[in-house]
Amino acid sequence: MADVSRFDREFLRSVLTLAGKSDVDHLLFISDHPMGSSEMRGRPLKKKLIYAVTSDKVAEDLRAQRYQAVVIPSYDYARVEKVKVALVAAASESFVKEG
């Protein structure tokens, strides 16, 4: 991730550590800036990670790397609305199931 603060890096590390737990089924990452290899190093999360991006090109690149990716509209949603849209998109692709 380019140009992220120290807080952002620590937050991401914590989220990735939590996502690595067996109780966590999926991690929905909403960003047009996919995580870099340094963030993913040593973390077997590829099957749990779902990217929600606004660019078809970014989604295609992620899928080529065998990640799950959905495209969401680039509207200026409130944060909660963006999460809802991303969840609906992930459910429509059967990446997540209700419940």
N, C-alpha and C. Protein backbone atom coordinates (compact mmCIF):
# COMPACT_ATOMS: atom_id res chain seq x y z
N MET A 1 0.85 -1.17 0.00
CA MET A 1 0.00 0.00 0.00
C MET A 1 0.89 1.23 0.00
N ALA A 2 0.68 2.07 -0.95
CA ALA A 2 1.51 3.25 -1.08
C ALA A 2 1.01 4.36 -0.16
N ASP A 3 1.97 5.13 0.36
CA ASP A 3 1.66 6.33 1.14
C ASP A 3 0.66 6.09 2.27
N VAL A 4 0.93 5.13 3.11
CA VAL A 4 0.06 4.91 4.25
C VAL A 4 0.79 5.31 5.52
N SER A 5 0.03 5.74 6.48
CA SER A 5 0.61 6.18 7.74
C SER A 5 1.02 4.98 8.58
N ARG A 6 1.78 5.28 9.61
CA ARG A 6 2.21 4.23 10.53
C ARG A 6 0.98 3.58 11.18
N PHE A 7 -0.01 4.40 11.53
CA PHE A 7 -1.24 3.87 12.10
C PHE A 7 -1.93 2.92 11.13
N ASP A 8 -2.02 3.31 9.86
CA ASP A 8 -2.66 2.47 8.84
C ASP A 8 -1.95 1.13 8.72
N ARG A 9 -0.62 1.17 8.72
CA ARG A 9 0.15 -0.08 8.62
C ARG A 9 -0.10 -0.99 9.82
N GLU A 10 -0.12 -0.41 11.01
CA GLU A 10 -0.37 -1.19 12.22
C GLU A 10 -1.79 -1.75 12.22
N PHE A 11 -2.74 -0.93 11.79
CA PHE A 11 -4.13 -1.37 11.71
C PHE A 11 -4.25 -2.54 10.74
N LEU A 12 -3.63 -2.41 9.57
CA LEU A 12 -3.68 -3.47 8.57
C LEU A 12 -3.03 -4.75 9.11
N ARG A 13 -1.90 -4.63 9.76
CA ARG A 13 -1.25 -5.81 10.35
C ARG A 13 -2.17 -6.50 11.35
N SER A 14 -2.84 -5.72 12.17
CA SER A 14 -3.76 -6.29 13.15
C SER A 14 -4.93 -7.00 12.49
N VAL A 15 -5.49 -6.37 11.46
CA VAL A 15 -6.60 -6.97 10.73
C VAL A 15 -6.15 -8.28 10.07
N LEU A 16 -4.98 -8.28 9.46
CA LEU A 16 -4.49 -9.49 8.80
C LEU A 16 -4.20 -10.60 9.81
N THR A 17 -3.72 -10.24 10.98
CA THR A 17 -3.49 -11.23 12.02
C THR A 17 -4.82 -11.83 12.46
N LEU A 18 -5.81 -10.98 12.67
CA LEU A 18 -7.14 -11.46 13.05
C LEU A 18 -7.73 -12.33 11.95
N ALA A 19 -7.58 -11.92 10.71
CA ALA A 19 -8.13 -12.68 9.58
C ALA A 19 -7.49 -14.06 9.46
N GLY A 20 -6.29 -14.21 9.96
CA GLY A 20 -5.61 -15.49 9.91
C GLY A 20 -6.17 -16.52 10.88
N LYS A 21 -7.02 -16.09 11.80
CA LYS A 21 -7.61 -17.00 12.78
C LYS A 21 -8.65 -17.89 12.11
N SER A 22 -8.79 -19.10 12.62
CA SER A 22 -9.72 -20.06 12.03
C SER A 22 -11.18 -19.63 12.18
N ASP A 23 -11.49 -18.79 13.15
CA ASP A 23 -12.87 -18.32 13.33
C ASP A 23 -13.31 -17.32 12.26
N VAL A 24 -12.36 -16.76 11.53
CA VAL A 24 -12.67 -15.77 10.51
C VAL A 24 -12.79 -16.46 9.16
N ASP A 25 -13.95 -16.31 8.54
CA ASP A 25 -14.19 -16.94 7.24
C ASP A 25 -13.69 -16.12 6.07
N HIS A 26 -13.91 -14.80 6.13
CA HIS A 26 -13.57 -13.92 5.02
C HIS A 26 -13.10 -12.57 5.54
N LEU A 27 -12.30 -11.91 4.71
CA LEU A 27 -11.89 -10.54 4.97
C LEU A 27 -12.25 -9.73 3.72
N LEU A 28 -13.16 -8.78 3.88
CA LEU A 28 -13.56 -7.92 2.78
C LEU A 28 -12.71 -6.65 2.84
N PHE A 29 -11.88 -6.46 1.83
CA PHE A 29 -10.96 -5.32 1.79
C PHE A 29 -11.43 -4.37 0.71
N ILE A 30 -11.92 -3.22 1.11
CA ILE A 30 -12.50 -2.25 0.19
C ILE A 30 -11.48 -1.16 -0.08
N SER A 31 -10.83 -1.25 -1.23
CA SER A 31 -9.79 -0.28 -1.58
C SER A 31 -9.37 -0.50 -3.03
N ASP A 32 -9.04 0.59 -3.70
CA ASP A 32 -8.51 0.46 -5.06
C ASP A 32 -7.00 0.27 -5.05
N HIS A 33 -6.43 0.12 -3.87
CA HIS A 33 -5.00 -0.10 -3.73
C HIS A 33 -4.78 -1.44 -3.04
N PRO A 34 -4.63 -2.51 -3.81
CA PRO A 34 -4.45 -3.83 -3.21
C PRO A 34 -3.24 -3.87 -2.28
N MET A 35 -3.31 -4.77 -1.35
CA MET A 35 -2.19 -4.93 -0.42
C MET A 35 -0.97 -5.42 -1.17
N GLY A 36 0.17 -4.95 -0.75
CA GLY A 36 1.42 -5.35 -1.37
C GLY A 36 1.89 -6.70 -0.85
N SER A 37 2.88 -7.23 -1.50
CA SER A 37 3.40 -8.54 -1.11
C SER A 37 4.00 -8.51 0.29
N SER A 38 4.51 -7.35 0.72
CA SER A 38 5.09 -7.27 2.07
C SER A 38 4.01 -7.45 3.15
N GLU A 39 2.81 -6.93 2.91
CA GLU A 39 1.73 -7.11 3.87
C GLU A 39 1.23 -8.55 3.90
N MET A 40 1.27 -9.22 2.76
CA MET A 40 0.74 -10.58 2.65
C MET A 40 1.77 -11.65 2.96
N ARG A 41 3.03 -11.30 3.03
CA ARG A 41 4.10 -12.27 3.23
C ARG A 41 3.85 -13.14 4.46
N GLY A 42 3.86 -14.45 4.23
CA GLY A 42 3.70 -15.39 5.32
C GLY A 42 2.28 -15.54 5.84
N ARG A 43 1.31 -14.96 5.14
CA ARG A 43 -0.09 -15.03 5.59
C ARG A 43 -0.91 -15.80 4.56
N PRO A 44 -1.38 -16.97 4.91
CA PRO A 44 -2.17 -17.77 3.96
C PRO A 44 -3.63 -17.31 3.91
N LEU A 45 -3.85 -16.13 3.39
CA LEU A 45 -5.19 -15.53 3.39
C LEU A 45 -5.84 -15.47 2.02
N LYS A 46 -5.19 -15.97 1.01
CA LYS A 46 -5.68 -15.79 -0.36
C LYS A 46 -7.13 -16.26 -0.52
N LYS A 47 -7.49 -17.36 0.12
CA LYS A 47 -8.86 -17.87 -0.02
C LYS A 47 -9.87 -17.11 0.83
N LYS A 48 -9.40 -16.40 1.85
CA LYS A 48 -10.30 -15.63 2.71
C LYS A 48 -10.50 -14.20 2.23
N LEU A 49 -9.54 -13.68 1.51
CA LEU A 49 -9.53 -12.28 1.13
C LEU A 49 -10.43 -12.00 -0.07
N ILE A 50 -11.31 -11.02 0.09
CA ILE A 50 -12.18 -10.57 -0.99
C ILE A 50 -11.92 -9.08 -1.18
N TYR A 51 -11.47 -8.70 -2.35
CA TYR A 51 -11.24 -7.30 -2.67
C TYR A 51 -12.51 -6.70 -3.26
N ALA A 52 -12.87 -5.50 -2.83
CA ALA A 52 -13.94 -4.72 -3.45
C ALA A 52 -13.27 -3.46 -4.00
N VAL A 53 -13.27 -3.33 -5.31
CA VAL A 53 -12.57 -2.24 -5.99
C VAL A 53 -13.52 -1.53 -6.94
N THR A 54 -13.16 -0.33 -7.36
CA THR A 54 -14.02 0.42 -8.29
C THR A 54 -13.52 0.34 -9.73
N SER A 55 -12.43 -0.33 -9.95
CA SER A 55 -11.84 -0.40 -11.29
C SER A 55 -11.89 -1.82 -11.85
N ASP A 56 -12.45 -1.94 -13.05
CA ASP A 56 -12.47 -3.24 -13.71
C ASP A 56 -11.05 -3.76 -13.94
N LYS A 57 -10.14 -2.88 -14.28
CA LYS A 57 -8.75 -3.27 -14.54
C LYS A 57 -8.09 -3.83 -13.28
N VAL A 58 -8.28 -3.17 -12.15
CA VAL A 58 -7.71 -3.65 -10.88
C VAL A 58 -8.32 -5.01 -10.54
N ALA A 59 -9.63 -5.15 -10.73
CA ALA A 59 -10.29 -6.43 -10.45
C ALA A 59 -9.72 -7.54 -11.35
N GLU A 60 -9.53 -7.24 -12.62
CA GLU A 60 -8.95 -8.23 -13.54
C GLU A 60 -7.55 -8.64 -13.10
N ASP A 61 -6.74 -7.66 -12.72
CA ASP A 61 -5.38 -7.96 -12.25
C ASP A 61 -5.40 -8.85 -11.01
N LEU A 62 -6.30 -8.55 -10.08
CA LEU A 62 -6.41 -9.36 -8.87
C LEU A 62 -6.86 -10.78 -9.18
N ARG A 63 -7.83 -10.89 -10.07
CA ARG A 63 -8.31 -12.23 -10.45
C ARG A 63 -7.20 -13.02 -11.14
N ALA A 64 -6.38 -12.34 -11.93
CA ALA A 64 -5.25 -13.01 -12.58
C ALA A 64 -4.26 -13.56 -11.55
N GLN A 65 -4.22 -12.92 -10.37
CA GLN A 65 -3.37 -13.40 -9.28
C GLN A 65 -4.12 -14.40 -8.39
N ARG A 66 -5.30 -14.80 -8.83
CA ARG A 66 -6.13 -15.79 -8.15
C ARG A 66 -6.75 -15.28 -6.84
N TYR A 67 -7.00 -13.97 -6.78
CA TYR A 67 -7.74 -13.39 -5.67
C TYR A 67 -9.21 -13.28 -6.07
N GLN A 68 -10.08 -13.22 -5.09
CA GLN A 68 -11.48 -12.94 -5.33
C GLN A 68 -11.64 -11.42 -5.36
N ALA A 69 -12.33 -10.92 -6.35
CA ALA A 69 -12.50 -9.47 -6.47
C ALA A 69 -13.87 -9.15 -7.05
N VAL A 70 -14.49 -8.12 -6.51
CA VAL A 70 -15.75 -7.61 -7.03
C VAL A 70 -15.56 -6.14 -7.36
N VAL A 71 -16.33 -5.68 -8.32
CA VAL A 71 -16.28 -4.27 -8.70
C VAL A 71 -17.52 -3.59 -8.13
N ILE A 72 -17.30 -2.48 -7.45
CA ILE A 72 -18.40 -1.69 -6.91
C ILE A 72 -18.37 -0.31 -7.57
N PRO A 73 -19.51 0.36 -7.62
CA PRO A 73 -19.54 1.69 -8.23
C PRO A 73 -18.63 2.66 -7.46
N SER A 74 -18.10 3.62 -8.17
CA SER A 74 -17.16 4.57 -7.56
C SER A 74 -17.86 5.79 -6.97
N TYR A 75 -19.14 5.67 -6.70
CA TYR A 75 -19.88 6.79 -6.11
C TYR A 75 -19.28 7.17 -4.77
N ASP A 76 -19.54 8.38 -4.35
CA ASP A 76 -19.04 8.87 -3.08
C ASP A 76 -20.00 8.45 -1.95
N TYR A 77 -19.96 7.16 -1.63
CA TYR A 77 -20.81 6.61 -0.58
C TYR A 77 -20.28 6.99 0.80
N ALA A 78 -21.19 7.00 1.78
CA ALA A 78 -20.75 7.03 3.17
C ALA A 78 -20.09 5.67 3.43
N ARG A 79 -19.24 5.60 4.42
CA ARG A 79 -18.48 4.38 4.70
C ARG A 79 -19.39 3.16 4.89
N VAL A 80 -20.45 3.31 5.66
CA VAL A 80 -21.35 2.18 5.92
C VAL A 80 -22.03 1.74 4.63
N GLU A 81 -22.42 2.69 3.81
CA GLU A 81 -23.06 2.35 2.54
C GLU A 81 -22.09 1.60 1.62
N LYS A 82 -20.84 2.02 1.60
CA LYS A 82 -19.83 1.36 0.77
C LYS A 82 -19.66 -0.09 1.21
N VAL A 83 -19.65 -0.33 2.51
CA VAL A 83 -19.54 -1.70 3.03
C VAL A 83 -20.75 -2.52 2.61
N LYS A 84 -21.94 -1.93 2.71
CA LYS A 84 -23.16 -2.64 2.30
C LYS A 84 -23.11 -3.02 0.83
N VAL A 85 -22.72 -2.07 -0.02
CA VAL A 85 -22.63 -2.34 -1.46
C VAL A 85 -21.61 -3.43 -1.74
N ALA A 86 -20.46 -3.37 -1.07
CA ALA A 86 -19.42 -4.38 -1.26
C ALA A 86 -19.90 -5.75 -0.80
N LEU A 87 -20.62 -5.81 0.31
CA LEU A 87 -21.15 -7.09 0.79
C LEU A 87 -22.17 -7.68 -0.19
N VAL A 88 -23.03 -6.83 -0.72
CA VAL A 88 -24.01 -7.31 -1.70
C VAL A 88 -23.30 -7.82 -2.95
N ALA A 89 -22.28 -7.10 -3.39
CA ALA A 89 -21.51 -7.54 -4.57
C ALA A 89 -20.82 -8.87 -4.30
N ALA A 90 -20.23 -9.03 -3.12
CA ALA A 90 -19.55 -10.29 -2.77
C ALA A 90 -20.56 -11.43 -2.67
N ALA A 91 -21.74 -11.16 -2.12
CA ALA A 91 -22.77 -12.19 -2.03
C ALA A 91 -23.29 -12.58 -3.41
N SER A 92 -23.41 -11.60 -4.30
CA SER A 92 -23.91 -11.89 -5.65
C SER A 92 -22.94 -12.76 -6.43
N GLU A 93 -21.66 -12.72 -6.07
CA GLU A 93 -20.65 -13.57 -6.70
C GLU A 93 -20.45 -14.89 -5.94
N SER A 94 -21.28 -15.09 -4.90
CA SER A 94 -21.21 -16.27 -4.03
C SER A 94 -19.88 -16.39 -3.29
N PHE A 95 -19.23 -15.25 -3.03
CA PHE A 95 -18.01 -15.25 -2.23
C PHE A 95 -18.36 -15.35 -0.74
N VAL A 96 -19.51 -14.82 -0.38
CA VAL A 96 -20.02 -14.92 1.00
C VAL A 96 -21.46 -15.39 0.92
N LYS A 97 -21.90 -15.97 2.03
CA LYS A 97 -23.29 -16.44 2.10
C LYS A 97 -23.96 -15.76 3.29
N GLU A 98 -25.26 -15.63 3.20
CA GLU A 98 -26.01 -15.05 4.30
C GLU A 98 -25.83 -15.91 5.55
N GLY A 99 -25.64 -15.23 6.65
CA GLY A 99 -25.47 -15.96 7.92
C GLY A 99 -24.04 -16.10 8.25
